[in-house]
């Protein structure tokens, strides 16, 4: 289930990230260990996480996921292993909240993109999702919340007044 989308302007956010470029089929095997490494590193450096985990997809390719997993942090990231400093950009985005299990995210993005097309909105080349409530908040996946963010590419023209 998707909440009503809204257009907002985000502010830049300092983060720690691990970048992954992997075949789509490997996401389940590789993302979990990367998340563990990321959380352990920022915790050891005592800089976070200060907010929810996110994944920022930099290139939209159905076969290869080129993305960063990251968390907001409160200080400078000392590069350790695969963990480096990063940022979520300041951007004008269309945002909605998907409520449900992670297995439904693909369909949620499809419905979100369809809504954007119907409204004449053009998405940019990237997107990100923030895992606001997930397995750590309870075992009922119908209560999980993932915030979907799609930066706007080109805004539709403003209609002339009647």
N, C-alpha and C. Protein backbone atom coordinates (compact mmCIF):
# COMPACT_ATOMS: atom_id res chain seq x y z
N UNK A 1 0.84 -1.17 0.00
CA UNK A 1 0.00 0.00 0.00
C UNK A 1 0.89 1.24 0.00
N UNK A 2 0.55 2.21 -0.86
CA UNK A 2 1.28 3.47 -0.95
C UNK A 2 0.46 4.61 -0.36
N UNK A 3 1.14 5.48 0.38
CA UNK A 3 0.52 6.73 0.82
C UNK A 3 0.43 7.67 -0.38
N UNK A 4 -0.35 8.72 -0.25
CA UNK A 4 -0.45 9.72 -1.31
C UNK A 4 0.91 10.36 -1.52
N UNK A 5 1.43 10.35 -2.74
CA UNK A 5 2.73 10.98 -3.00
C UNK A 5 2.66 12.49 -2.84
N UNK A 6 3.81 13.09 -2.52
CA UNK A 6 3.93 14.53 -2.40
C UNK A 6 5.27 14.97 -2.97
N UNK A 7 5.33 16.20 -3.43
CA UNK A 7 6.58 16.76 -3.93
C UNK A 7 7.17 17.60 -2.81
N UNK A 8 8.43 17.31 -2.49
CA UNK A 8 9.13 18.02 -1.41
C UNK A 8 10.55 18.35 -1.86
N UNK A 9 11.22 19.18 -1.10
CA UNK A 9 12.64 19.44 -1.32
C UNK A 9 13.39 18.90 -0.11
N UNK A 10 14.31 17.99 -0.37
CA UNK A 10 15.10 17.40 0.72
C UNK A 10 16.34 18.26 0.96
N UNK A 11 16.93 18.11 2.12
CA UNK A 11 18.20 18.75 2.42
C UNK A 11 19.29 17.69 2.34
N UNK A 12 20.49 18.11 2.03
CA UNK A 12 21.61 17.17 1.97
C UNK A 12 21.84 16.57 3.35
N UNK A 13 22.26 15.32 3.37
CA UNK A 13 22.47 14.62 4.63
C UNK A 13 23.80 13.88 4.56
N UNK A 14 24.66 14.09 5.56
CA UNK A 14 25.95 13.40 5.64
C UNK A 14 25.72 11.96 6.04
N UNK A 15 26.36 11.05 5.31
CA UNK A 15 26.14 9.63 5.55
C UNK A 15 27.45 8.85 5.47
N UNK A 16 27.38 7.61 5.88
CA UNK A 16 28.42 6.62 5.63
C UNK A 16 27.81 5.62 4.67
N UNK A 17 28.60 5.18 3.69
CA UNK A 17 28.05 4.30 2.65
C UNK A 17 28.99 3.14 2.32
N UNK A 18 28.40 2.14 1.71
CA UNK A 18 29.12 1.09 0.98
C UNK A 18 28.47 1.04 -0.39
N UNK A 19 29.28 1.15 -1.43
CA UNK A 19 28.74 1.07 -2.80
C UNK A 19 28.83 -0.37 -3.28
N UNK A 20 27.76 -0.82 -3.89
CA UNK A 20 27.69 -2.17 -4.45
C UNK A 20 27.23 -2.09 -5.91
N UNK A 21 27.91 -2.80 -6.78
CA UNK A 21 27.48 -2.97 -8.16
C UNK A 21 27.45 -4.47 -8.38
N UNK A 22 26.23 -5.02 -8.37
CA UNK A 22 26.07 -6.47 -8.34
C UNK A 22 24.93 -6.91 -9.26
N UNK A 23 24.99 -8.16 -9.73
CA UNK A 23 23.84 -8.69 -10.46
C UNK A 23 22.62 -8.71 -9.55
N UNK A 24 21.48 -8.38 -10.12
CA UNK A 24 20.23 -8.33 -9.36
C UNK A 24 20.01 -9.59 -8.53
N UNK A 25 20.34 -10.74 -9.07
CA UNK A 25 20.10 -12.01 -8.39
C UNK A 25 20.91 -12.16 -7.11
N UNK A 26 21.96 -11.36 -6.93
CA UNK A 26 22.82 -11.49 -5.75
C UNK A 26 22.42 -10.55 -4.61
N UNK A 27 21.40 -9.76 -4.79
CA UNK A 27 21.03 -8.76 -3.78
C UNK A 27 20.79 -9.38 -2.41
N UNK A 28 20.07 -10.49 -2.36
CA UNK A 28 19.75 -11.09 -1.06
C UNK A 28 20.98 -11.65 -0.36
N UNK A 29 21.93 -12.15 -1.11
CA UNK A 29 23.13 -12.73 -0.50
C UNK A 29 24.14 -11.67 -0.06
N UNK A 30 24.18 -10.53 -0.75
CA UNK A 30 25.25 -9.56 -0.49
C UNK A 30 24.83 -8.34 0.32
N UNK A 31 23.56 -7.99 0.31
CA UNK A 31 23.16 -6.76 1.00
C UNK A 31 23.23 -6.91 2.52
N UNK A 32 22.78 -8.03 3.05
CA UNK A 32 22.81 -8.24 4.50
C UNK A 32 24.19 -8.10 5.11
N UNK A 33 25.21 -8.80 4.57
CA UNK A 33 26.56 -8.64 5.12
C UNK A 33 27.08 -7.20 4.99
N UNK A 34 26.74 -6.51 3.91
CA UNK A 34 27.18 -5.13 3.75
C UNK A 34 26.53 -4.23 4.80
N UNK A 35 25.26 -4.46 5.08
CA UNK A 35 24.59 -3.68 6.12
C UNK A 35 25.27 -3.91 7.47
N UNK A 36 25.56 -5.16 7.78
CA UNK A 36 26.25 -5.48 9.03
C UNK A 36 27.58 -4.77 9.14
N UNK A 37 28.35 -4.76 8.06
CA UNK A 37 29.65 -4.07 8.03
C UNK A 37 29.49 -2.57 8.23
N UNK A 38 28.50 -1.99 7.57
CA UNK A 38 28.25 -0.56 7.66
C UNK A 38 27.87 -0.15 9.09
N UNK A 39 26.92 -0.86 9.67
CA UNK A 39 26.46 -0.54 11.03
C UNK A 39 27.59 -0.73 12.04
N UNK A 40 28.33 -1.82 11.91
CA UNK A 40 29.45 -2.07 12.84
C UNK A 40 30.49 -0.96 12.75
N UNK A 41 30.77 -0.49 11.55
CA UNK A 41 31.80 0.53 11.37
C UNK A 41 31.37 1.87 11.96
N UNK A 42 30.16 2.33 11.66
CA UNK A 42 29.74 3.64 12.21
C UNK A 42 29.53 3.56 13.71
N UNK A 43 29.12 2.41 14.20
CA UNK A 43 28.98 2.24 15.65
C UNK A 43 30.35 2.29 16.32
N UNK A 44 31.35 1.60 15.75
CA UNK A 44 32.70 1.60 16.31
C UNK A 44 33.30 3.01 16.28
N UNK A 45 32.95 3.79 15.28
CA UNK A 45 33.47 5.17 15.18
C UNK A 45 32.64 6.15 16.01
N UNK A 46 31.56 5.66 16.62
CA UNK A 46 30.68 6.45 17.47
C UNK A 46 30.08 7.68 16.76
N UNK A 47 29.68 7.44 15.51
CA UNK A 47 29.07 8.52 14.72
C UNK A 47 27.68 8.15 14.22
N UNK A 48 27.18 7.01 14.62
CA UNK A 48 25.84 6.66 14.14
C UNK A 48 25.55 5.19 14.29
N UNK A 49 24.49 4.80 13.66
CA UNK A 49 23.66 5.59 12.75
C UNK A 49 22.74 6.56 13.50
N UNK A 50 22.46 7.70 12.85
CA UNK A 50 21.58 8.70 13.46
C UNK A 50 20.20 8.72 12.80
N UNK A 51 19.97 7.79 11.91
CA UNK A 51 18.68 7.68 11.23
C UNK A 51 18.60 6.34 10.52
N UNK A 52 17.52 6.14 9.76
CA UNK A 52 17.31 4.83 9.14
C UNK A 52 18.27 4.52 8.00
N UNK A 53 18.48 3.25 7.82
CA UNK A 53 19.25 2.72 6.69
C UNK A 53 18.54 3.09 5.40
N UNK A 54 19.31 3.31 4.34
CA UNK A 54 18.71 3.59 3.03
C UNK A 54 19.52 2.89 1.95
N UNK A 55 18.92 2.78 0.78
CA UNK A 55 19.66 2.37 -0.41
C UNK A 55 19.40 3.40 -1.49
N UNK A 56 20.48 3.89 -2.10
CA UNK A 56 20.41 4.92 -3.13
C UNK A 56 20.85 4.27 -4.44
N UNK A 57 19.89 4.04 -5.30
CA UNK A 57 20.18 3.42 -6.60
C UNK A 57 20.62 4.51 -7.57
N UNK A 58 21.87 4.39 -8.03
CA UNK A 58 22.50 5.43 -8.83
C UNK A 58 22.21 5.29 -10.32
N UNK A 59 21.97 4.06 -10.74
CA UNK A 59 21.70 3.77 -12.14
C UNK A 59 20.58 2.75 -12.16
N UNK A 60 19.58 2.98 -12.97
CA UNK A 60 18.42 2.08 -13.01
C UNK A 60 18.58 1.10 -14.17
N UNK A 61 19.03 -0.09 -13.84
CA UNK A 61 19.25 -1.17 -14.80
C UNK A 61 18.57 -2.40 -14.22
N UNK A 62 17.69 -3.05 -14.96
CA UNK A 62 16.97 -4.19 -14.38
C UNK A 62 17.85 -5.40 -14.08
N UNK A 63 19.02 -5.49 -14.69
CA UNK A 63 19.88 -6.66 -14.49
C UNK A 63 20.99 -6.44 -13.46
N UNK A 64 21.46 -5.21 -13.32
CA UNK A 64 22.58 -4.91 -12.42
C UNK A 64 22.17 -3.79 -11.48
N UNK A 65 22.31 -4.04 -10.18
CA UNK A 65 22.04 -3.01 -9.19
C UNK A 65 23.35 -2.27 -8.91
N UNK A 66 23.34 -0.97 -9.17
CA UNK A 66 24.47 -0.09 -8.89
C UNK A 66 23.95 0.90 -7.85
N UNK A 67 24.30 0.65 -6.59
CA UNK A 67 23.69 1.42 -5.52
C UNK A 67 24.61 1.54 -4.31
N UNK A 68 24.22 2.45 -3.43
CA UNK A 68 24.90 2.62 -2.15
C UNK A 68 23.92 2.25 -1.06
N UNK A 69 24.40 1.54 -0.07
CA UNK A 69 23.63 1.42 1.17
C UNK A 69 24.28 2.40 2.12
N UNK A 70 23.47 3.06 2.92
CA UNK A 70 24.04 4.06 3.79
C UNK A 70 23.19 4.33 5.01
N UNK A 71 23.79 5.08 5.93
CA UNK A 71 23.10 5.55 7.12
C UNK A 71 23.57 6.98 7.40
N UNK A 72 22.67 7.82 7.91
CA UNK A 72 23.09 9.15 8.34
C UNK A 72 24.04 9.03 9.53
N UNK A 73 25.00 9.96 9.59
CA UNK A 73 25.98 9.96 10.67
C UNK A 73 26.12 11.37 11.25
N UNK A 74 26.70 11.42 12.45
CA UNK A 74 26.84 12.69 13.15
C UNK A 74 28.22 13.31 13.05
N UNK A 75 29.15 12.65 12.36
CA UNK A 75 30.51 13.17 12.29
C UNK A 75 31.24 12.66 11.07
N UNK A 76 32.53 12.93 11.04
CA UNK A 76 33.36 12.55 9.91
C UNK A 76 33.56 11.03 9.88
N UNK A 77 33.42 10.45 8.71
CA UNK A 77 33.61 9.01 8.52
C UNK A 77 35.09 8.75 8.23
N UNK A 78 35.69 7.87 9.01
CA UNK A 78 37.04 7.42 8.72
C UNK A 78 36.90 6.20 7.82
N UNK A 79 37.38 6.27 6.56
CA UNK A 79 37.23 5.12 5.67
C UNK A 79 37.79 3.86 6.30
N UNK A 80 36.96 2.82 6.32
CA UNK A 80 37.34 1.56 6.93
C UNK A 80 36.74 0.43 6.10
N UNK A 81 37.58 -0.46 5.58
CA UNK A 81 37.07 -1.53 4.72
C UNK A 81 36.37 -0.90 3.53
N UNK A 82 35.12 -1.30 3.31
CA UNK A 82 34.34 -0.74 2.19
C UNK A 82 33.57 0.52 2.58
N UNK A 83 33.60 0.89 3.84
CA UNK A 83 32.81 2.03 4.32
C UNK A 83 33.56 3.34 4.07
N UNK A 84 32.86 4.27 3.40
CA UNK A 84 33.43 5.59 3.11
C UNK A 84 32.36 6.65 3.40
N UNK A 85 32.78 7.91 3.37
CA UNK A 85 31.84 9.02 3.55
C UNK A 85 30.95 9.13 2.32
N UNK A 86 29.74 9.56 2.54
CA UNK A 86 28.79 9.75 1.45
C UNK A 86 27.81 10.84 1.81
N UNK A 87 26.77 10.95 1.00
CA UNK A 87 25.73 11.95 1.27
C UNK A 87 24.47 11.59 0.49
N UNK A 88 23.34 11.90 1.08
CA UNK A 88 22.10 11.93 0.32
C UNK A 88 21.97 13.36 -0.17
N UNK A 89 21.60 13.55 -1.42
CA UNK A 89 21.60 14.90 -1.98
C UNK A 89 20.41 15.75 -1.56
N UNK A 90 20.61 17.05 -1.62
CA UNK A 90 19.48 17.97 -1.56
C UNK A 90 18.83 17.87 -2.93
N UNK A 91 17.54 17.65 -2.95
CA UNK A 91 16.87 17.46 -4.24
C UNK A 91 15.38 17.72 -4.11
N UNK A 92 14.78 18.03 -5.23
CA UNK A 92 13.32 18.11 -5.32
C UNK A 92 12.87 16.71 -5.71
N UNK A 93 12.07 16.09 -4.84
CA UNK A 93 11.69 14.69 -5.05
C UNK A 93 10.18 14.51 -4.92
N UNK A 94 9.72 13.44 -5.53
CA UNK A 94 8.38 12.95 -5.24
C UNK A 94 8.59 11.87 -4.20
N UNK A 95 7.83 11.92 -3.12
CA UNK A 95 8.01 10.99 -2.00
C UNK A 95 6.68 10.35 -1.64
N UNK A 96 6.77 9.07 -1.30
CA UNK A 96 5.62 8.36 -0.76
C UNK A 96 6.14 7.35 0.24
N UNK A 97 5.23 6.75 0.99
CA UNK A 97 5.60 5.68 1.92
C UNK A 97 4.91 4.40 1.47
N UNK A 98 5.71 3.36 1.30
CA UNK A 98 5.18 2.03 1.02
C UNK A 98 5.07 1.31 2.35
N UNK A 99 3.92 0.71 2.60
CA UNK A 99 3.68 -0.04 3.83
C UNK A 99 3.51 -1.50 3.48
N UNK A 100 4.48 -2.32 3.90
CA UNK A 100 4.41 -3.74 3.61
C UNK A 100 5.78 -4.38 3.59
N UNK A 101 5.83 -5.68 3.25
CA UNK A 101 7.09 -6.43 3.25
C UNK A 101 8.00 -5.99 2.11
N UNK A 102 9.29 -6.22 2.29
CA UNK A 102 10.27 -5.82 1.28
C UNK A 102 10.03 -6.50 -0.06
N UNK A 103 9.44 -7.68 -0.06
CA UNK A 103 9.17 -8.40 -1.31
C UNK A 103 8.21 -7.61 -2.21
N UNK A 104 7.46 -6.69 -1.66
CA UNK A 104 6.53 -5.90 -2.44
C UNK A 104 7.10 -4.59 -2.96
N UNK A 105 8.37 -4.33 -2.69
CA UNK A 105 8.96 -3.05 -3.11
C UNK A 105 8.98 -2.87 -4.62
N UNK A 106 9.25 -3.92 -5.37
CA UNK A 106 9.28 -3.80 -6.84
C UNK A 106 7.93 -3.34 -7.37
N UNK A 107 6.87 -3.95 -6.90
CA UNK A 107 5.52 -3.57 -7.33
C UNK A 107 5.18 -2.15 -6.84
N UNK A 108 5.63 -1.80 -5.65
CA UNK A 108 5.38 -0.45 -5.12
C UNK A 108 6.05 0.60 -5.99
N UNK A 109 7.30 0.36 -6.38
CA UNK A 109 7.99 1.29 -7.27
C UNK A 109 7.27 1.38 -8.60
N UNK A 110 6.78 0.25 -9.12
CA UNK A 110 6.04 0.26 -10.37
C UNK A 110 4.79 1.12 -10.28
N UNK A 111 4.04 0.98 -9.18
CA UNK A 111 2.83 1.78 -8.98
C UNK A 111 3.18 3.26 -8.81
N UNK A 112 4.26 3.53 -8.10
CA UNK A 112 4.71 4.91 -7.88
C UNK A 112 5.10 5.55 -9.21
N UNK A 113 5.89 4.84 -10.03
CA UNK A 113 6.29 5.35 -11.34
C UNK A 113 5.07 5.58 -12.23
N UNK A 114 4.10 4.68 -12.17
CA UNK A 114 2.88 4.84 -12.97
C UNK A 114 2.15 6.12 -12.54
N UNK A 115 2.06 6.36 -11.25
CA UNK A 115 1.41 7.57 -10.74
C UNK A 115 2.13 8.81 -11.27
N UNK A 116 3.48 8.78 -11.25
CA UNK A 116 4.25 9.92 -11.75
C UNK A 116 3.95 10.18 -13.22
N UNK A 117 3.91 9.12 -14.03
CA UNK A 117 3.60 9.28 -15.45
C UNK A 117 2.22 9.88 -15.63
N UNK A 118 1.25 9.39 -14.88
CA UNK A 118 -0.12 9.92 -14.98
C UNK A 118 -0.19 11.40 -14.63
N UNK A 119 0.70 11.85 -13.74
CA UNK A 119 0.74 13.26 -13.33
C UNK A 119 1.66 14.10 -14.22
N UNK A 120 2.30 13.47 -15.20
CA UNK A 120 3.19 14.20 -16.09
C UNK A 120 4.53 14.53 -15.48
N UNK A 121 4.93 13.81 -14.45
CA UNK A 121 6.20 14.05 -13.77
C UNK A 121 7.27 13.13 -14.35
N UNK A 122 8.48 13.66 -14.50
CA UNK A 122 9.59 12.90 -15.05
C UNK A 122 10.62 12.68 -13.95
N UNK A 123 10.95 11.42 -13.70
CA UNK A 123 11.95 11.10 -12.68
C UNK A 123 13.36 11.28 -13.21
N UNK A 124 14.26 11.55 -12.30
CA UNK A 124 15.68 11.66 -12.65
C UNK A 124 16.29 10.27 -12.82
N UNK A 125 17.61 10.20 -12.95
CA UNK A 125 18.28 8.93 -13.23
C UNK A 125 18.51 8.05 -12.01
N UNK A 126 18.11 8.52 -10.82
CA UNK A 126 18.36 7.75 -9.60
C UNK A 126 17.11 7.73 -8.74
N UNK A 127 17.19 7.01 -7.64
CA UNK A 127 16.12 6.97 -6.64
C UNK A 127 16.70 6.43 -5.36
N UNK A 128 16.00 6.69 -4.24
CA UNK A 128 16.43 6.06 -2.99
C UNK A 128 15.23 5.71 -2.14
N UNK A 129 15.47 4.70 -1.30
CA UNK A 129 14.45 4.25 -0.37
C UNK A 129 15.06 4.19 1.02
N UNK A 130 14.31 4.71 2.00
CA UNK A 130 14.75 4.71 3.40
C UNK A 130 13.86 3.72 4.15
N UNK A 131 14.50 2.82 4.88
CA UNK A 131 13.79 1.76 5.59
C UNK A 131 13.42 2.26 6.98
N UNK A 132 12.32 3.04 7.04
CA UNK A 132 11.92 3.72 8.27
C UNK A 132 11.52 2.75 9.38
N UNK A 133 10.77 1.70 9.03
CA UNK A 133 10.39 0.65 9.99
C UNK A 133 10.50 -0.68 9.28
N UNK A 134 11.29 -1.57 9.85
CA UNK A 134 11.51 -2.88 9.24
C UNK A 134 11.49 -3.97 10.28
N UNK A 135 12.22 -5.04 10.02
CA UNK A 135 12.21 -6.19 10.93
C UNK A 135 12.59 -5.83 12.37
N UNK A 136 13.41 -4.80 12.55
CA UNK A 136 13.80 -4.40 13.91
C UNK A 136 12.64 -3.82 14.70
N UNK A 137 11.56 -3.41 14.00
CA UNK A 137 10.42 -2.80 14.67
C UNK A 137 9.29 -3.79 14.97
N UNK A 138 9.45 -5.04 14.52
CA UNK A 138 8.43 -6.04 14.79
C UNK A 138 8.37 -7.08 13.69
N UNK A 139 7.77 -8.20 13.99
CA UNK A 139 7.73 -9.32 13.05
C UNK A 139 6.61 -9.24 12.02
N UNK A 140 5.71 -8.27 12.13
CA UNK A 140 4.59 -8.16 11.19
C UNK A 140 5.00 -7.26 10.03
N UNK A 141 5.34 -7.86 8.86
CA UNK A 141 5.82 -7.04 7.74
C UNK A 141 4.76 -6.09 7.17
N UNK A 142 3.49 -6.30 7.48
CA UNK A 142 2.48 -5.36 7.00
C UNK A 142 2.61 -4.00 7.68
N UNK A 143 3.35 -3.94 8.79
CA UNK A 143 3.56 -2.68 9.52
C UNK A 143 4.87 -1.99 9.14
N UNK A 144 5.69 -2.63 8.31
CA UNK A 144 6.95 -2.02 7.90
C UNK A 144 6.68 -0.83 6.99
N UNK A 145 7.58 0.16 7.03
CA UNK A 145 7.44 1.36 6.22
C UNK A 145 8.75 1.67 5.50
N UNK A 146 8.65 1.83 4.19
CA UNK A 146 9.79 2.22 3.38
C UNK A 146 9.43 3.51 2.67
N UNK A 147 10.26 4.54 2.87
CA UNK A 147 10.03 5.85 2.25
C UNK A 147 10.69 5.84 0.87
N UNK A 148 9.87 6.01 -0.18
CA UNK A 148 10.35 6.00 -1.56
C UNK A 148 10.57 7.44 -2.02
N UNK A 149 11.74 7.71 -2.57
CA UNK A 149 12.11 9.05 -3.03
C UNK A 149 12.56 8.98 -4.48
N UNK A 150 11.91 9.74 -5.33
CA UNK A 150 12.28 9.79 -6.74
C UNK A 150 12.57 11.24 -7.12
N UNK A 151 13.86 11.60 -7.29
CA UNK A 151 14.17 12.97 -7.71
C UNK A 151 13.49 13.30 -9.04
N UNK A 152 13.07 14.54 -9.15
CA UNK A 152 12.43 14.97 -10.39
C UNK A 152 13.48 15.36 -11.41
N UNK A 153 13.27 14.89 -12.64
CA UNK A 153 14.14 15.27 -13.74
C UNK A 153 13.71 16.63 -14.26
N UNK A 154 12.71 16.65 -15.07
CA UNK A 154 12.17 17.90 -15.62
C UNK A 154 10.75 18.07 -15.12
N UNK A 155 10.44 19.24 -14.65
CA UNK A 155 9.08 19.51 -14.18
C UNK A 155 8.17 19.77 -15.37
N UNK A 156 6.92 19.36 -15.28
CA UNK A 156 5.99 19.65 -16.38
C UNK A 156 5.74 21.15 -16.46
N UNK A 157 5.34 21.64 -17.65
CA UNK A 157 5.08 23.08 -17.76
C UNK A 157 3.91 23.49 -16.86
N UNK A 158 3.96 24.72 -16.40
CA UNK A 158 2.89 25.27 -15.59
C UNK A 158 1.78 25.72 -16.54
N UNK A 159 0.55 25.25 -16.32
CA UNK A 159 -0.53 25.66 -17.24
C UNK A 159 -0.78 27.16 -17.16
N UNK A 160 -1.13 27.75 -18.30
CA UNK A 160 -1.45 29.17 -18.34
C UNK A 160 -2.78 29.40 -17.65
N UNK A 161 -2.94 30.53 -16.96
CA UNK A 161 -4.23 30.80 -16.30
C UNK A 161 -5.34 30.96 -17.34
N UNK A 162 -6.54 30.60 -16.95
CA UNK A 162 -7.69 30.71 -17.86
C UNK A 162 -8.08 32.13 -18.09
